C-alpha atoms as a PDB file:
ATOM      1  CA  UNK A   1      14.480   6.381  -9.820  1.00  0.00           C
ATOM      2  CA  UNK A   2      12.601   4.994  -6.845  1.00  0.00           C
ATOM      3  CA  UNK A   3      14.137   3.727  -3.672  1.00  0.00           C
ATOM      4  CA  UNK A   4      13.069   0.395  -2.239  1.00  0.00           C
ATOM      5  CA  UNK A   5      13.208   0.009   1.510  1.00  0.00           C
ATOM      6  CA  UNK A   6      11.994  -2.703   3.822  1.00  0.00           C
ATOM      7  CA  UNK A   7      10.515  -1.846   7.198  1.00  0.00           C
ATOM      8  CA  UNK A   8       8.927  -3.841   9.981  1.00  0.00           C
ATOM      9  CA  UNK A   9       5.171  -4.080  10.400  1.00  0.00           C
ATOM     10  CA  UNK A  10       5.467  -2.141  13.662  1.00  0.00           C
ATOM     11  CA  UNK A  11       7.368   0.707  11.976  1.00  0.00           C
ATOM     12  CA  UNK A  12       4.837   0.767   9.138  1.00  0.00           C
ATOM     13  CA  UNK A  13       1.958   1.022  11.628  1.00  0.00           C
ATOM     14  CA  UNK A  14       3.696   3.895  13.463  1.00  0.00           C
ATOM     15  CA  UNK A  15       4.153   5.840  10.221  1.00  0.00           C
ATOM     16  CA  UNK A  16       0.520   5.296   9.192  1.00  0.00           C
ATOM     17  CA  UNK A  17      -0.800   6.172  12.653  1.00  0.00           C
ATOM     18  CA  UNK A  18       1.272   9.369  12.617  1.00  0.00           C
ATOM     19  CA  UNK A  19      -0.201  10.339   9.226  1.00  0.00           C
ATOM     20  CA  UNK A  20       3.215  10.148   7.580  1.00  0.00           C
ATOM     21  CA  UNK A  21       2.441   7.156   5.343  1.00  0.00           C
ATOM     22  CA  UNK A  22      -0.309   5.207   3.643  1.00  0.00           C
ATOM     23  CA  UNK A  23      -0.558   1.484   3.085  1.00  0.00           C
ATOM     24  CA  UNK A  24      -0.919   0.415  -0.550  1.00  0.00           C
ATOM     25  CA  UNK A  25      -2.242  -3.106  -1.081  1.00  0.00           C
ATOM     26  CA  UNK A  26      -1.019  -4.363  -4.456  1.00  0.00           C
ATOM     27  CA  UNK A  27      -2.582  -7.829  -4.446  1.00  0.00           C
ATOM     28  CA  UNK A  28      -3.527  -8.965  -7.955  1.00  0.00           C
ATOM     29  CA  UNK A  29      -7.145  -8.887  -9.077  1.00  0.00           C
ATOM     30  CA  UNK A  30      -8.877 -12.181  -8.423  1.00  0.00           C
ATOM     31  CA  UNK A  31      -6.604 -12.995  -5.498  1.00  0.00           C
ATOM     32  CA  UNK A  32      -7.801 -10.164  -3.268  1.00  0.00           C
ATOM     33  CA  UNK A  33     -11.418 -11.288  -3.349  1.00  0.00           C
ATOM     34  CA  UNK A  34     -10.390 -14.708  -1.978  1.00  0.00           C
ATOM     35  CA  UNK A  35      -8.456 -13.295   0.986  1.00  0.00           C
ATOM     36  CA  UNK A  36      -9.935 -13.257   4.469  1.00  0.00           C
ATOM     37  CA  UNK A  37      -7.819 -10.368   5.707  1.00  0.00           C
ATOM     38  CA  UNK A  38      -6.791  -6.894   4.676  1.00  0.00           C
ATOM     39  CA  UNK A  39      -5.043  -4.017   6.373  1.00  0.00           C
ATOM     40  CA  UNK A  40      -7.725  -1.586   7.614  1.00  0.00           C
ATOM     41  CA  UNK A  41      -7.609   1.716   5.772  1.00  0.00           C
ATOM     42  CA  UNK A  42      -5.251   0.478   3.057  1.00  0.00           C
ATOM     43  CA  UNK A  43      -5.609   1.779  -0.479  1.00  0.00           C
ATOM     44  CA  UNK A  44      -6.080  -1.166  -2.834  1.00  0.00           C
ATOM     45  CA  UNK A  45      -4.727  -0.886  -6.362  1.00  0.00           C
ATOM     46  CA  UNK A  46      -3.941  -4.119  -8.222  1.00  0.00           C
ATOM     47  CA  UNK A  47      -0.453  -4.122  -9.772  1.00  0.00           C
ATOM     48  CA  UNK A  48      -1.866  -4.124 -13.299  1.00  0.00           C
ATOM     49  CA  UNK A  49      -3.631  -0.795 -12.547  1.00  0.00           C
ATOM     50  CA  UNK A  50      -0.808   1.128 -10.830  1.00  0.00           C
ATOM     51  CA  UNK A  51       0.178   3.024 -13.983  1.00  0.00           C
ATOM     52  CA  UNK A  52      -3.404   4.136 -14.657  1.00  0.00           C
ATOM     53  CA  UNK A  53      -4.198   5.061 -11.049  1.00  0.00           C
ATOM     54  CA  UNK A  54      -0.864   6.526  -9.931  1.00  0.00           C
ATOM     55  CA  UNK A  55      -2.489   9.964  -9.576  1.00  0.00           C
ATOM     56  CA  UNK A  56      -4.681   8.657  -6.743  1.00  0.00           C
ATOM     57  CA  UNK A  57      -1.651   8.271  -4.478  1.00  0.00           C
ATOM     58  CA  UNK A  58      -0.574  11.116  -2.210  1.00  0.00           C
ATOM     59  CA  UNK A  59       2.685  12.881  -2.955  1.00  0.00           C
ATOM     60  CA  UNK A  60       3.151  14.197   0.580  1.00  0.00           C
ATOM     61  CA  UNK A  61       3.375  10.863   2.399  1.00  0.00           C
ATOM     62  CA  UNK A  62       5.459   7.723   2.307  1.00  0.00           C
ATOM     63  CA  UNK A  63       3.757   4.931   0.367  1.00  0.00           C
ATOM     64  CA  UNK A  64       4.175   1.509   1.932  1.00  0.00           C
ATOM     65  CA  UNK A  65       3.319  -1.094  -0.693  1.00  0.00           C
ATOM     66  CA  UNK A  66       2.598  -4.646   0.346  1.00  0.00           C
ATOM     67  CA  UNK A  67       1.124  -7.827  -1.017  1.00  0.00           C
ATOM     68  CA  UNK A  68      -0.855  -9.991   1.377  1.00  0.00           C
END
């Protein structure tokens, strides 16, 4: 079972900057291309591909998923 937590943007940035977390952008395909902004350094995996690409995610860091 996974645990869902909510954290502030500032806390997320601190964790990423400290190397303790990665940002995972889960914006749907087709939507992402139309966006003007993205979090620098974020890993982008559309929600429909998470199951197939789960192995690309690190196991030694917190994963902060977000949808812009």
